[in-house]
Amino acid sequence: SMALARATLGAMSDAGALGAASVGEMARVYSALIQGHGALAQLDRAHAAFEEGNGWLVQAAREADAGEGGDEGSGEEGSAEVRAAEASLVAAMVEAAAPHPDGLLLACSLLEEAV
């Protein structure tokens, strides 16, 4: 149930678990939300989850760019992880949007931007 998934995400946020999650873990959470809404033909909700996930990744990218005082090259590894997470969100959104009558243009636009 998508309501349960959203409630779980809210509970994780309230408990501070989202702050401790890795970029890859968060990408999997948001990809699952996108896929779930897509499977229910809820394109608007899938896109909202996509935008929310991208917002979270923008923040993660800023932190990766800052390097957070880690070892030399850790910023590059973080940036690579963020790029991989962005690609997984785009793939999930394209898969959710493409079969939807109003989603083909969105899917094409996302693919064009990704290239």
Foldseek 3Di string as FASTA:
>chain_A
DLVVLVVVVVVCVVVVVVVVDALVVLLVSLLVSLLVCLVVLNLVRSVVSLVVNVVVLVVQLVVLCVVVPDDPCSSVVSNVSSLVSNVSSLVSSLVSQCVRPPRVVVNVVSVVVND
